Amino acid sequence: MSMLTPPGMGGKYRVTGTAYPRMSRPRRRRKIVFALLGSVLALALLGYGALQLIDVFGGGAKSAAAAAEDCPTAPATPAKAAAPGPAAASATPAVALPQPGQITVNVYNATPRAGLAKAVGDELKKRGFAIGHVGNAPADFDKKVPGPGILLGSPRTDKAAYSVLGTQLAGVTQQTDTREGADIDLILGDSFKELNTKEDADKALAVLANPAPAPSPKKC
């Protein structure tokens, strides 16, 4: 009779097999493990948040420093020089231009249109220009000027005189020859239609005399 046979059974009943009831592990150990994992996760989140804050504040400081380098603060201006008086000079001074009466213009017609040189010469005279020769263009230019016109003069002629005369006719080109005088030839070309209106010419002269100031530097 086996030692596992209950007493009084006389060997009639026996415990057989290899399976035995197992006892479950205490649950306390699982709670400890979960608590440790939660602590580690909480610490990791706190560390990540701290790094983000450091990066934000540190990055803002760096951006401010970089902006200061790109656009340094101008030195303080003394109070006396802060507001210029009414007599202060303009940032862009006016340009001294010759008056139309100081410019002698020879008007030549290089087109087949009869009487064109005289009509243009009379209009320029009304606008104050001194008119010299008026007639057909020389053979070198006759029927050979495809644009609206050419301004022809000496290399020593004041460039401002070309500019003043150029306000009267849009699209003219400029050339020089070997003449000694300061007069300027206006040779009318095939595409000439009419002079600029006096109003437009006067506006262009005003812009030449008072050019727009240069754009100010970009502010920080």
N, C-alpha and C. Protein backbone atom coordinates (compact mmCIF):
# COMPACT_ATOMS: atom_id res chain seq x y z
N MET A 1 0.85 -1.18 0.00
CA MET A 1 0.00 0.00 0.00
C MET A 1 0.88 1.23 0.00
N SER A 2 0.48 2.14 -0.77
CA SER A 2 1.31 3.35 -0.91
C SER A 2 1.08 4.25 0.28
N MET A 3 2.11 5.10 0.51
CA MET A 3 2.00 6.07 1.60
C MET A 3 0.94 7.12 1.29
N LEU A 4 0.59 7.22 -0.04
CA LEU A 4 -0.41 8.24 -0.41
C LEU A 4 -1.83 7.70 -0.32
N THR A 5 -1.96 6.40 -0.04
CA THR A 5 -3.31 5.83 0.05
C THR A 5 -3.95 6.26 1.35
N PRO A 6 -5.12 6.84 1.30
CA PRO A 6 -5.77 7.29 2.54
C PRO A 6 -5.95 6.12 3.49
N PRO A 7 -5.79 6.42 4.74
CA PRO A 7 -5.94 5.34 5.71
C PRO A 7 -7.37 4.81 5.76
N GLY A 8 -7.47 3.54 5.95
CA GLY A 8 -8.79 2.91 6.05
C GLY A 8 -9.36 2.48 4.73
N MET A 9 -8.60 2.78 3.62
CA MET A 9 -9.13 2.42 2.30
C MET A 9 -8.71 1.03 1.88
N GLY A 10 -7.74 0.52 2.62
CA GLY A 10 -7.31 -0.85 2.34
C GLY A 10 -6.75 -1.02 0.96
N GLY A 11 -6.19 0.08 0.43
CA GLY A 11 -5.57 -0.03 -0.89
C GLY A 11 -6.54 -0.05 -2.01
N LYS A 12 -7.80 0.18 -1.69
CA LYS A 12 -8.78 0.15 -2.79
C LYS A 12 -8.67 1.38 -3.68
N TYR A 13 -8.38 2.50 -3.04
CA TYR A 13 -8.24 3.76 -3.81
C TYR A 13 -6.81 4.23 -3.71
N ARG A 14 -6.28 4.64 -4.79
CA ARG A 14 -4.90 5.12 -4.85
C ARG A 14 -4.83 6.46 -5.62
N VAL A 15 -3.87 7.23 -5.26
CA VAL A 15 -3.60 8.49 -5.99
C VAL A 15 -2.59 8.20 -7.06
N THR A 16 -2.99 8.32 -8.25
CA THR A 16 -2.09 8.04 -9.37
C THR A 16 -1.88 9.31 -10.19
N GLY A 17 -0.92 9.20 -11.13
CA GLY A 17 -0.62 10.35 -12.02
C GLY A 17 0.51 11.20 -11.49
N THR A 18 0.95 12.15 -12.37
CA THR A 18 2.11 13.02 -12.02
C THR A 18 1.72 14.46 -11.82
N ALA A 19 0.46 14.87 -12.02
CA ALA A 19 0.03 16.27 -11.89
C ALA A 19 -0.28 16.57 -10.45
N TYR A 20 0.25 17.63 -9.95
CA TYR A 20 0.02 18.08 -8.59
C TYR A 20 -0.52 19.50 -8.62
N PRO A 21 -1.34 19.91 -7.79
CA PRO A 21 -1.84 21.31 -7.76
C PRO A 21 -0.70 22.27 -7.46
N ARG A 22 -0.67 23.39 -8.25
CA ARG A 22 0.41 24.40 -8.09
C ARG A 22 -0.16 25.62 -7.38
N MET A 23 0.66 26.19 -6.58
CA MET A 23 0.25 27.40 -5.86
C MET A 23 0.62 28.63 -6.69
N SER A 24 -0.29 29.59 -6.86
CA SER A 24 0.02 30.84 -7.64
C SER A 24 0.98 31.72 -6.87
N ARG A 25 1.80 32.50 -7.67
CA ARG A 25 2.78 33.39 -7.04
C ARG A 25 2.07 34.59 -6.38
N PRO A 26 2.66 35.09 -5.41
CA PRO A 26 2.03 36.25 -4.76
C PRO A 26 1.92 37.40 -5.74
N ARG A 27 0.83 38.15 -5.66
CA ARG A 27 0.62 39.29 -6.56
C ARG A 27 1.41 40.52 -6.15
N ARG A 28 1.99 40.51 -5.01
CA ARG A 28 2.73 41.68 -4.52
C ARG A 28 3.91 42.01 -5.42
N ARG A 29 4.56 40.94 -5.94
CA ARG A 29 5.73 41.16 -6.79
C ARG A 29 5.32 41.87 -8.08
N ARG A 30 4.17 41.55 -8.65
CA ARG A 30 3.71 42.22 -9.87
C ARG A 30 3.46 43.71 -9.62
N LYS A 31 2.88 44.02 -8.50
CA LYS A 31 2.64 45.43 -8.19
C LYS A 31 3.95 46.21 -8.10
N ILE A 32 4.95 45.58 -7.52
CA ILE A 32 6.25 46.26 -7.41
C ILE A 32 6.84 46.53 -8.79
N VAL A 33 6.74 45.51 -9.68
CA VAL A 33 7.29 45.67 -11.03
C VAL A 33 6.58 46.79 -11.77
N PHE A 34 5.24 46.81 -11.71
CA PHE A 34 4.48 47.86 -12.39
C PHE A 34 4.80 49.24 -11.82
N ALA A 35 5.00 49.29 -10.50
CA ALA A 35 5.33 50.58 -9.89
C ALA A 35 6.68 51.09 -10.38
N LEU A 36 7.66 50.18 -10.50
CA LEU A 36 8.98 50.58 -11.00
C LEU A 36 8.91 51.07 -12.45
N LEU A 37 8.16 50.33 -13.27
CA LEU A 37 8.02 50.76 -14.68
C LEU A 37 7.35 52.12 -14.78
N GLY A 38 6.34 52.36 -14.00
CA GLY A 38 5.67 53.66 -14.02
C GLY A 38 6.60 54.78 -13.59
N SER A 39 7.45 54.51 -12.59
CA SER A 39 8.40 55.53 -12.14
C SER A 39 9.41 55.87 -13.23
N VAL A 40 9.91 54.81 -13.89
CA VAL A 40 10.89 55.04 -14.97
C VAL A 40 10.27 55.86 -16.09
N LEU A 41 9.03 55.53 -16.47
CA LEU A 41 8.34 56.26 -17.54
C LEU A 41 8.10 57.71 -17.15
N ALA A 42 7.70 57.95 -15.91
CA ALA A 42 7.47 59.31 -15.45
C ALA A 42 8.75 60.13 -15.48
N LEU A 43 9.86 59.52 -15.03
CA LEU A 43 11.15 60.22 -15.07
C LEU A 43 11.56 60.55 -16.50
N ALA A 44 11.32 59.60 -17.41
CA ALA A 44 11.68 59.84 -18.82
C ALA A 44 10.89 61.01 -19.39
N LEU A 45 9.59 61.07 -19.07
CA LEU A 45 8.76 62.17 -19.57
C LEU A 45 9.20 63.51 -18.99
N LEU A 46 9.53 63.52 -17.71
CA LEU A 46 10.01 64.76 -17.10
C LEU A 46 11.31 65.24 -17.73
N GLY A 47 12.23 64.30 -18.00
CA GLY A 47 13.50 64.67 -18.63
C GLY A 47 13.31 65.22 -20.03
N TYR A 48 12.42 64.60 -20.79
CA TYR A 48 12.16 65.07 -22.15
C TYR A 48 11.56 66.47 -22.15
N GLY A 49 10.61 66.68 -21.23
CA GLY A 49 10.02 68.02 -21.13
C GLY A 49 11.04 69.07 -20.76
N ALA A 50 11.96 68.73 -19.84
CA ALA A 50 13.00 69.68 -19.46
C ALA A 50 13.90 70.03 -20.63
N LEU A 51 14.25 69.02 -21.44
CA LEU A 51 15.09 69.28 -22.62
C LEU A 51 14.38 70.19 -23.60
N GLN A 52 13.06 69.99 -23.79
CA GLN A 52 12.31 70.85 -24.71
C GLN A 52 12.30 72.29 -24.24
N LEU A 53 12.11 72.49 -22.95
CA LEU A 53 12.12 73.86 -22.42
C LEU A 53 13.48 74.52 -22.60
N ILE A 54 14.54 73.76 -22.33
CA ILE A 54 15.89 74.31 -22.50
C ILE A 54 16.13 74.70 -23.95
N ASP A 55 15.66 73.84 -24.88
CA ASP A 55 15.87 74.11 -26.30
C ASP A 55 15.10 75.35 -26.74
N VAL A 56 13.85 75.50 -26.23
CA VAL A 56 13.05 76.66 -26.62
C VAL A 56 13.68 77.95 -26.16
N PHE A 57 14.01 77.99 -24.85
CA PHE A 57 14.59 79.23 -24.33
C PHE A 57 16.00 79.47 -24.86
N GLY A 58 16.76 78.42 -24.99
CA GLY A 58 18.11 78.58 -25.55
C GLY A 58 18.07 79.01 -27.00
N GLY A 59 17.13 78.40 -27.80
CA GLY A 59 17.01 78.76 -29.21
C GLY A 59 16.56 80.19 -29.38
N GLY A 60 15.64 80.67 -28.54
CA GLY A 60 15.20 82.06 -28.64
C GLY A 60 16.34 83.02 -28.38
N ALA A 61 17.19 82.69 -27.42
CA ALA A 61 18.32 83.56 -27.14
C ALA A 61 19.28 83.60 -28.31
N LYS A 62 19.51 82.39 -28.92
CA LYS A 62 20.41 82.35 -30.07
C LYS A 62 19.85 83.15 -31.24
N SER A 63 18.51 83.04 -31.47
CA SER A 63 17.89 83.78 -32.57
C SER A 63 18.03 85.28 -32.34
N ALA A 64 17.83 85.71 -31.11
CA ALA A 64 17.98 87.13 -30.82
C ALA A 64 19.41 87.59 -31.05
N ALA A 65 20.38 86.75 -30.66
CA ALA A 65 21.78 87.10 -30.88
C ALA A 65 22.10 87.18 -32.35
N ALA A 66 21.57 86.20 -33.13
CA ALA A 66 21.81 86.21 -34.58
C ALA A 66 21.20 87.44 -35.22
N ALA A 67 19.98 87.81 -34.80
CA ALA A 67 19.35 89.00 -35.34
C ALA A 67 20.15 90.24 -35.01
N ALA A 68 20.73 90.29 -33.81
CA ALA A 68 21.55 91.44 -33.44
C ALA A 68 22.79 91.53 -34.29
N GLU A 69 23.36 90.36 -34.66
CA GLU A 69 24.54 90.39 -35.52
C GLU A 69 24.19 90.85 -36.92
N ASP A 70 23.05 90.36 -37.46
CA ASP A 70 22.64 90.76 -38.81
C ASP A 70 22.24 92.21 -38.88
N CYS A 71 21.64 92.73 -37.84
CA CYS A 71 21.17 94.11 -37.84
C CYS A 71 21.60 94.77 -36.55
N PRO A 72 22.86 95.16 -36.44
CA PRO A 72 23.35 95.74 -35.19
C PRO A 72 22.65 97.05 -34.87
N THR A 73 22.53 97.31 -33.62
CA THR A 73 21.90 98.55 -33.17
C THR A 73 22.81 99.72 -33.47
N ALA A 74 22.23 100.74 -34.07
CA ALA A 74 23.01 101.92 -34.42
C ALA A 74 23.41 102.63 -33.14
N PRO A 75 24.58 103.26 -33.14
CA PRO A 75 25.01 103.99 -31.94
C PRO A 75 24.06 105.14 -31.65
N ALA A 76 23.93 105.44 -30.41
CA ALA A 76 23.02 106.50 -29.99
C ALA A 76 23.46 107.82 -30.59
N THR A 77 22.51 108.57 -31.11
CA THR A 77 22.79 109.87 -31.70
C THR A 77 22.58 110.94 -30.66
N PRO A 78 23.48 111.88 -30.55
CA PRO A 78 23.28 112.95 -29.57
C PRO A 78 21.96 113.65 -29.80
N ALA A 79 21.39 114.14 -28.74
CA ALA A 79 20.08 114.77 -28.81
C ALA A 79 20.08 115.98 -29.73
N LYS A 80 21.17 116.72 -29.80
CA LYS A 80 21.22 117.92 -30.62
C LYS A 80 21.13 117.59 -32.10
N ALA A 81 21.67 116.43 -32.50
CA ALA A 81 21.67 116.06 -33.91
C ALA A 81 20.49 115.18 -34.29
N ALA A 82 19.60 114.90 -33.35
CA ALA A 82 18.51 113.97 -33.63
C ALA A 82 17.51 114.54 -34.62
N ALA A 83 17.21 115.81 -34.53
CA ALA A 83 16.20 116.41 -35.40
C ALA A 83 16.81 117.57 -36.16
N PRO A 84 17.14 117.38 -37.46
CA PRO A 84 17.74 118.47 -38.22
C PRO A 84 16.76 119.62 -38.39
N GLY A 85 17.30 120.78 -38.48
CA GLY A 85 16.50 121.99 -38.63
C GLY A 85 15.92 122.10 -40.02
N PRO A 86 15.06 123.09 -40.27
CA PRO A 86 14.44 123.25 -41.58
C PRO A 86 15.43 123.59 -42.66
N ALA A 87 16.61 124.10 -42.32
CA ALA A 87 17.60 124.50 -43.31
C ALA A 87 18.52 123.36 -43.70
N ALA A 88 18.26 122.15 -43.16
CA ALA A 88 19.13 121.01 -43.47
C ALA A 88 19.03 120.67 -44.95
N ALA A 89 20.16 120.22 -45.52
CA ALA A 89 20.21 119.91 -46.94
C ALA A 89 19.42 118.64 -47.24
N SER A 90 18.84 118.56 -48.44
CA SER A 90 18.08 117.37 -48.85
C SER A 90 19.02 116.22 -49.09
N ALA A 91 18.53 114.98 -48.85
CA ALA A 91 19.37 113.80 -49.07
C ALA A 91 19.74 113.65 -50.54
N THR A 92 18.86 114.08 -51.45
CA THR A 92 19.14 114.03 -52.88
C THR A 92 19.05 115.44 -53.44
N PRO A 93 20.18 116.12 -53.63
CA PRO A 93 20.13 117.50 -54.11
C PRO A 93 19.61 117.59 -55.54
N ALA A 94 19.05 118.73 -55.86
CA ALA A 94 18.54 118.95 -57.21
C ALA A 94 19.69 119.00 -58.20
N VAL A 95 19.43 118.57 -59.42
CA VAL A 95 20.44 118.54 -60.48
C VAL A 95 20.32 119.81 -61.29
N ALA A 96 21.46 120.45 -61.55
CA ALA A 96 21.47 121.67 -62.36
C ALA A 96 21.40 121.28 -63.83
N LEU A 97 20.30 121.63 -64.49
CA LEU A 97 20.11 121.31 -65.90
C LEU A 97 20.15 122.59 -66.73
N PRO A 98 20.64 122.50 -67.96
CA PRO A 98 20.59 123.68 -68.83
C PRO A 98 19.15 124.01 -69.20
N GLN A 99 18.87 125.28 -69.34
CA GLN A 99 17.54 125.70 -69.77
C GLN A 99 17.36 125.40 -71.25
N PRO A 100 16.13 125.14 -71.71
CA PRO A 100 15.92 124.88 -73.14
C PRO A 100 16.50 125.98 -74.03
N GLY A 101 16.43 127.22 -73.57
CA GLY A 101 16.96 128.32 -74.39
C GLY A 101 18.48 128.26 -74.57
N GLN A 102 19.16 127.48 -73.73
CA GLN A 102 20.61 127.34 -73.85
C GLN A 102 21.01 126.21 -74.78
N ILE A 103 20.04 125.50 -75.33
CA ILE A 103 20.31 124.35 -76.19
C ILE A 103 19.87 124.69 -77.62
N THR A 104 20.83 124.66 -78.55
CA THR A 104 20.53 124.91 -79.95
C THR A 104 20.26 123.58 -80.64
N VAL A 105 19.08 123.48 -81.26
CA VAL A 105 18.65 122.23 -81.88
C VAL A 105 18.51 122.44 -83.40
N ASN A 106 19.18 121.58 -84.16
CA ASN A 106 18.99 121.52 -85.61
C ASN A 106 18.02 120.38 -85.91
N VAL A 107 16.95 120.65 -86.59
CA VAL A 107 15.91 119.64 -86.84
C VAL A 107 16.00 119.20 -88.30
N TYR A 108 16.21 117.89 -88.47
CA TYR A 108 16.33 117.33 -89.82
C TYR A 108 15.31 116.21 -90.00
N ASN A 109 14.76 116.14 -91.21
CA ASN A 109 13.74 115.15 -91.53
C ASN A 109 14.35 114.04 -92.38
N ALA A 110 14.38 112.81 -91.83
CA ALA A 110 14.90 111.66 -92.57
C ALA A 110 13.78 110.79 -93.09
N THR A 111 12.55 111.31 -93.10
CA THR A 111 11.39 110.53 -93.55
C THR A 111 10.85 111.11 -94.86
N PRO A 112 9.95 110.39 -95.54
CA PRO A 112 9.35 110.93 -96.76
C PRO A 112 8.27 111.98 -96.50
N ARG A 113 7.94 112.25 -95.26
CA ARG A 113 6.86 113.17 -94.93
C ARG A 113 7.34 114.61 -95.09
N ALA A 114 6.72 115.32 -95.97
CA ALA A 114 7.13 116.70 -96.27
C ALA A 114 6.72 117.63 -95.14
N GLY A 115 7.59 118.61 -94.85
CA GLY A 115 7.28 119.63 -93.86
C GLY A 115 7.40 119.18 -92.41
N LEU A 116 7.88 117.97 -92.17
CA LEU A 116 7.94 117.45 -90.79
C LEU A 116 8.96 118.19 -89.96
N ALA A 117 10.13 118.49 -90.54
CA ALA A 117 11.18 119.17 -89.77
C ALA A 117 10.72 120.56 -89.32
N LYS A 118 10.04 121.28 -90.21
CA LYS A 118 9.58 122.63 -89.84
C LYS A 118 8.54 122.58 -88.73
N ALA A 119 7.60 121.62 -88.83
CA ALA A 119 6.55 121.53 -87.81
C ALA A 119 7.15 121.21 -86.44
N VAL A 120 8.10 120.28 -86.40
CA VAL A 120 8.73 119.92 -85.12
C VAL A 120 9.58 121.08 -84.61
N GLY A 121 10.30 121.76 -85.53
CA GLY A 121 11.12 122.89 -85.11
C GLY A 121 10.27 124.02 -84.52
N ASP A 122 9.13 124.28 -85.11
CA ASP A 122 8.25 125.33 -84.58
C ASP A 122 7.74 124.97 -83.18
N GLU A 123 7.38 123.69 -82.98
CA GLU A 123 6.89 123.29 -81.67
C GLU A 123 7.98 123.38 -80.60
N LEU A 124 9.19 122.95 -80.96
CA LEU A 124 10.30 123.05 -80.00
C LEU A 124 10.61 124.51 -79.68
N LYS A 125 10.46 125.38 -80.65
CA LYS A 125 10.70 126.80 -80.40
C LYS A 125 9.68 127.35 -79.41
N LYS A 126 8.42 126.89 -79.52
CA LYS A 126 7.40 127.31 -78.57
C LYS A 126 7.73 126.85 -77.15
N ARG A 127 8.44 125.73 -77.07
CA ARG A 127 8.78 125.19 -75.75
C ARG A 127 10.08 125.77 -75.21
N GLY A 128 10.63 126.74 -75.91
CA GLY A 128 11.77 127.47 -75.38
C GLY A 128 13.12 127.10 -75.94
N PHE A 129 13.22 126.11 -76.82
CA PHE A 129 14.51 125.71 -77.37
C PHE A 129 14.95 126.70 -78.46
N ALA A 130 16.26 126.84 -78.58
CA ALA A 130 16.83 127.65 -79.66
C ALA A 130 16.94 126.77 -80.90
N ILE A 131 16.36 127.19 -82.00
CA ILE A 131 16.32 126.39 -83.21
C ILE A 131 17.37 126.91 -84.20
N GLY A 132 18.18 125.97 -84.72
CA GLY A 132 19.21 126.30 -85.70
C GLY A 132 18.75 125.96 -87.11
N HIS A 133 19.41 125.02 -87.74
CA HIS A 133 19.05 124.61 -89.10
C HIS A 133 17.82 123.71 -89.09
N VAL A 134 16.99 123.86 -90.13
CA VAL A 134 15.79 123.03 -90.29
C VAL A 134 15.73 122.60 -91.76
N GLY A 135 15.58 121.29 -91.99
CA GLY A 135 15.50 120.82 -93.37
C GLY A 135 15.57 119.31 -93.46
N ASN A 136 15.94 118.85 -94.65
CA ASN A 136 16.06 117.40 -94.87
C ASN A 136 17.35 116.88 -94.25
N ALA A 137 17.35 115.61 -93.87
CA ALA A 137 18.52 115.00 -93.23
C ALA A 137 19.64 114.82 -94.24
N PRO A 138 20.89 114.84 -93.78
CA PRO A 138 22.03 114.55 -94.67
C PRO A 138 21.90 113.17 -95.29
N ALA A 139 22.62 112.94 -96.38
CA ALA A 139 22.51 111.68 -97.13
C ALA A 139 22.84 110.47 -96.26
N ASP A 140 23.73 110.64 -95.28
CA ASP A 140 24.10 109.51 -94.42
C ASP A 140 22.92 109.02 -93.58
N PHE A 141 21.91 109.86 -93.38
CA PHE A 141 20.78 109.51 -92.53
C PHE A 141 19.44 109.50 -93.27
N ASP A 142 19.37 110.10 -94.44
CA ASP A 142 18.10 110.21 -95.16
C ASP A 142 17.52 108.83 -95.45
N LYS A 143 16.29 108.60 -94.99
CA LYS A 143 15.59 107.32 -95.14
C LYS A 143 16.33 106.15 -94.48
N LYS A 144 17.21 106.43 -93.53
CA LYS A 144 18.00 105.38 -92.90
C LYS A 144 17.87 105.38 -91.37
N VAL A 145 16.84 106.02 -90.87
CA VAL A 145 16.62 106.06 -89.42
C VAL A 145 15.31 105.33 -89.12
N PRO A 146 15.39 104.05 -88.73
CA PRO A 146 14.16 103.28 -88.53
C PRO A 146 13.38 103.66 -87.28
N GLY A 147 14.04 104.21 -86.27
CA GLY A 147 13.36 104.55 -85.02
C GLY A 147 12.72 105.92 -85.09
N PRO A 148 12.28 106.42 -83.94
CA PRO A 148 11.64 107.74 -83.91
C PRO A 148 12.60 108.89 -84.15
N GLY A 149 13.87 108.71 -83.83
CA GLY A 149 14.81 109.80 -84.04
C GLY A 149 16.17 109.54 -83.44
N ILE A 150 17.12 110.43 -83.81
CA ILE A 150 18.49 110.35 -83.32
C ILE A 150 18.90 111.73 -82.83
N LEU A 151 19.59 111.76 -81.69
CA LEU A 151 20.22 112.98 -81.20
C LEU A 151 21.70 112.88 -81.54
N LEU A 152 22.19 113.81 -82.36
CA LEU A 152 23.56 113.77 -82.85
C LEU A 152 24.29 115.03 -82.42
N GLY A 153 25.45 114.86 -81.78
CA GLY A 153 26.20 116.03 -81.31
C GLY A 153 27.65 115.70 -81.07
N SER A 154 28.36 116.65 -80.48
CA SER A 154 29.78 116.50 -80.19
C SER A 154 29.97 115.67 -78.92
N PRO A 155 31.06 114.91 -78.85
CA PRO A 155 31.34 114.17 -77.60
C PRO A 155 31.52 115.11 -76.41
N ARG A 156 31.89 116.37 -76.68
CA ARG A 156 32.12 117.33 -75.60
C ARG A 156 30.84 118.07 -75.19
N THR A 157 29.75 117.80 -75.85
CA THR A 157 28.49 118.45 -75.48
C THR A 157 28.02 117.96 -74.11
N ASP A 158 27.53 118.87 -73.32
CA ASP A 158 27.04 118.52 -71.99
C ASP A 158 25.99 117.42 -72.09
N LYS A 159 26.21 116.32 -71.36
CA LYS A 159 25.27 115.21 -71.40
C LYS A 159 23.88 115.62 -70.92
N ALA A 160 23.82 116.60 -70.03
CA ALA A 160 22.53 117.05 -69.53
C ALA A 160 21.71 117.68 -70.64
N ALA A 161 22.37 118.29 -71.65
CA ALA A 161 21.63 118.88 -72.76
C ALA A 161 20.92 117.80 -73.57
N TYR A 162 21.59 116.64 -73.76
CA TYR A 162 20.93 115.52 -74.43
C TYR A 162 19.71 115.06 -73.65
N SER A 163 19.86 115.00 -72.33
CA SER A 163 18.75 114.53 -71.49
C SER A 163 17.56 115.47 -71.57
N VAL A 164 17.82 116.79 -71.53
CA VAL A 164 16.73 117.76 -71.59
C VAL A 164 16.00 117.66 -72.93
N LEU A 165 16.75 117.59 -74.03
CA LEU A 165 16.12 117.47 -75.33
C LEU A 165 15.42 116.12 -75.48
N GLY A 166 15.97 115.08 -74.86
CA GLY A 166 15.37 113.75 -74.94
C GLY A 166 14.01 113.65 -74.27
N THR A 167 13.70 114.58 -73.35
CA THR A 167 12.38 114.54 -72.71
C THR A 167 11.26 114.91 -73.68
N GLN A 168 11.62 115.50 -74.82
CA GLN A 168 10.61 115.94 -75.79
C GLN A 168 10.18 114.83 -76.74
N LEU A 169 10.97 113.79 -76.83
CA LEU A 169 10.67 112.72 -77.79
C LEU A 169 11.11 111.38 -77.20
N ALA A 170 10.17 110.48 -77.01
CA ALA A 170 10.49 109.17 -76.42
C ALA A 170 11.12 108.26 -77.46
N GLY A 171 12.10 107.46 -77.01
CA GLY A 171 12.69 106.44 -77.86
C GLY A 171 13.84 106.89 -78.74
N VAL A 172 14.32 108.11 -78.57
CA VAL A 172 15.43 108.57 -79.40
C VAL A 172 16.73 107.93 -78.93
N THR A 173 17.66 107.73 -79.86
CA THR A 173 19.00 107.23 -79.53
C THR A 173 19.98 108.39 -79.63
N GLN A 174 21.18 108.17 -79.12
CA GLN A 174 22.18 109.23 -79.08
C GLN A 174 23.45 108.79 -79.79
N GLN A 175 23.99 109.69 -80.62
CA GLN A 175 25.23 109.44 -81.34
C GLN A 175 26.09 110.70 -81.30
N THR A 176 27.36 110.53 -81.61
CA THR A 176 28.28 111.68 -81.65
C THR A 176 29.00 111.72 -83.00
N ASP A 177 29.48 112.90 -83.36
CA ASP A 177 30.28 113.06 -84.57
C ASP A 177 31.47 113.95 -84.24
N THR A 178 32.09 114.53 -85.25
CA THR A 178 33.35 115.28 -85.05
C THR A 178 33.12 116.78 -84.97
N ARG A 179 31.94 117.24 -84.82
CA ARG A 179 31.69 118.69 -84.77
C ARG A 179 32.35 119.31 -83.55
N GLU A 180 32.55 120.60 -83.63
CA GLU A 180 33.18 121.33 -82.54
C GLU A 180 32.16 122.07 -81.68
N GLY A 181 31.05 122.45 -82.27
CA GLY A 181 30.06 123.23 -81.54
C GLY A 181 29.24 122.39 -80.57
N ALA A 182 28.42 123.08 -79.77
CA ALA A 182 27.59 122.42 -78.75
C ALA A 182 26.18 122.19 -79.24
N ASP A 183 25.88 122.53 -80.53
CA ASP A 183 24.52 122.31 -81.03
C ASP A 183 24.24 120.82 -81.17
N ILE A 184 22.96 120.47 -81.17
CA ILE A 184 22.53 119.06 -81.25
C ILE A 184 21.57 118.91 -82.42
N ASP A 185 21.81 117.88 -83.23
CA ASP A 185 20.89 117.58 -84.33
C ASP A 185 19.80 116.63 -83.83
N LEU A 186 18.56 116.96 -84.17
CA LEU A 186 17.45 116.05 -83.95
C LEU A 186 17.03 115.54 -85.33
N ILE A 187 17.37 114.29 -85.63
CA ILE A 187 17.06 113.70 -86.93
C ILE A 187 15.84 112.80 -86.75
N LEU A 188 14.75 113.17 -87.39
CA LEU A 188 13.49 112.46 -87.23
C LEU A 188 13.47 111.21 -88.09
N GLY A 189 13.12 110.05 -87.47
CA GLY A 189 13.15 108.77 -88.17
C GLY A 189 11.79 108.31 -88.66
N ASP A 190 11.79 107.14 -89.27
CA ASP A 190 10.59 106.61 -89.92
C ASP A 190 9.42 106.39 -88.96
N SER A 191 9.71 105.99 -87.71
CA SER A 191 8.62 105.69 -86.77
C SER A 191 8.21 106.90 -85.93
N PHE A 192 8.71 108.09 -86.30
CA PHE A 192 8.30 109.30 -85.57
C PHE A 192 6.82 109.58 -85.83
N LYS A 193 6.10 109.87 -84.76
CA LYS A 193 4.69 110.26 -84.89
C LYS A 193 4.47 111.69 -84.43
N GLU A 194 4.89 111.97 -83.22
CA GLU A 194 4.76 113.33 -82.70
C GLU A 194 5.63 113.47 -81.46
N LEU A 195 5.88 114.70 -81.08
CA LEU A 195 6.62 114.95 -79.85
C LEU A 195 5.77 114.57 -78.64
N ASN A 196 6.43 114.34 -77.54
CA ASN A 196 5.69 114.15 -76.29
C ASN A 196 4.87 115.40 -76.01
N THR A 197 3.75 115.24 -75.36
CA THR A 197 2.97 116.42 -75.00
C THR A 197 3.80 117.31 -74.07
N LYS A 198 3.52 118.59 -74.10
CA LYS A 198 4.28 119.52 -73.26
C LYS A 198 4.14 119.16 -71.78
N GLU A 199 2.96 118.69 -71.41
CA GLU A 199 2.75 118.30 -70.01
C GLU A 199 3.65 117.14 -69.63
N ASP A 200 3.71 116.11 -70.48
CA ASP A 200 4.58 114.96 -70.19
C ASP A 200 6.05 115.35 -70.21
N ALA A 201 6.42 116.22 -71.15
CA ALA A 201 7.81 116.67 -71.22
C ALA A 201 8.20 117.45 -69.98
N ASP A 202 7.30 118.30 -69.49
CA ASP A 202 7.59 119.09 -68.28
C ASP A 202 7.73 118.17 -67.06
N LYS A 203 6.90 117.13 -66.99
CA LYS A 203 7.02 116.18 -65.88
C LYS A 203 8.36 115.46 -65.93
N ALA A 204 8.77 115.06 -67.14
CA ALA A 204 10.06 114.38 -67.28
C ALA A 204 11.21 115.30 -66.90
N LEU A 205 11.11 116.58 -67.25
CA LEU A 205 12.14 117.55 -66.85
C LEU A 205 12.19 117.71 -65.34
N ALA A 206 11.03 117.72 -64.70
CA ALA A 206 10.99 117.85 -63.24
C ALA A 206 11.66 116.66 -62.57
N VAL A 207 11.46 115.46 -63.13
CA VAL A 207 12.10 114.27 -62.57
C VAL A 207 13.61 114.35 -62.75
N LEU A 208 14.06 114.85 -63.90
CA LEU A 208 15.50 115.01 -64.12
C LEU A 208 16.10 115.99 -63.13
N ALA A 209 15.39 117.08 -62.87
CA ALA A 209 15.91 118.10 -61.96
C ALA A 209 15.87 117.68 -60.50
N ASN A 210 14.90 116.85 -60.15
CA ASN A 210 14.75 116.40 -58.75
C ASN A 210 14.58 114.89 -58.73
N PRO A 211 15.67 114.16 -58.89
CA PRO A 211 15.57 112.69 -58.91
C PRO A 211 15.09 112.16 -57.57
N ALA A 212 14.41 111.02 -57.63
CA ALA A 212 13.91 110.41 -56.39
C ALA A 212 15.06 109.97 -55.52
N PRO A 213 14.96 110.11 -54.19
CA PRO A 213 16.05 109.66 -53.31
C PRO A 213 16.21 108.17 -53.35
N ALA A 214 17.42 107.71 -53.06
CA ALA A 214 17.70 106.28 -53.02
C ALA A 214 16.90 105.63 -51.91
N PRO A 215 16.45 104.38 -52.10
CA PRO A 215 15.70 103.71 -51.04
C PRO A 215 16.53 103.54 -49.78
N SER A 216 15.87 103.73 -48.63
CA SER A 216 16.57 103.62 -47.35
C SER A 216 16.89 102.15 -47.06
N PRO A 217 17.94 101.90 -46.28
CA PRO A 217 18.27 100.51 -45.92
C PRO A 217 17.13 99.85 -45.19
N LYS A 218 17.07 98.52 -45.31
CA LYS A 218 16.02 97.75 -44.66
C LYS A 218 16.15 97.84 -43.15
N LYS A 219 15.03 98.15 -42.50
CA LYS A 219 15.04 98.27 -41.05
C LYS A 219 14.95 96.89 -40.40
N CYS A 220 15.52 96.81 -39.21
CA CYS A 220 15.49 95.55 -38.48
C CYS A 220 14.14 95.37 -37.83
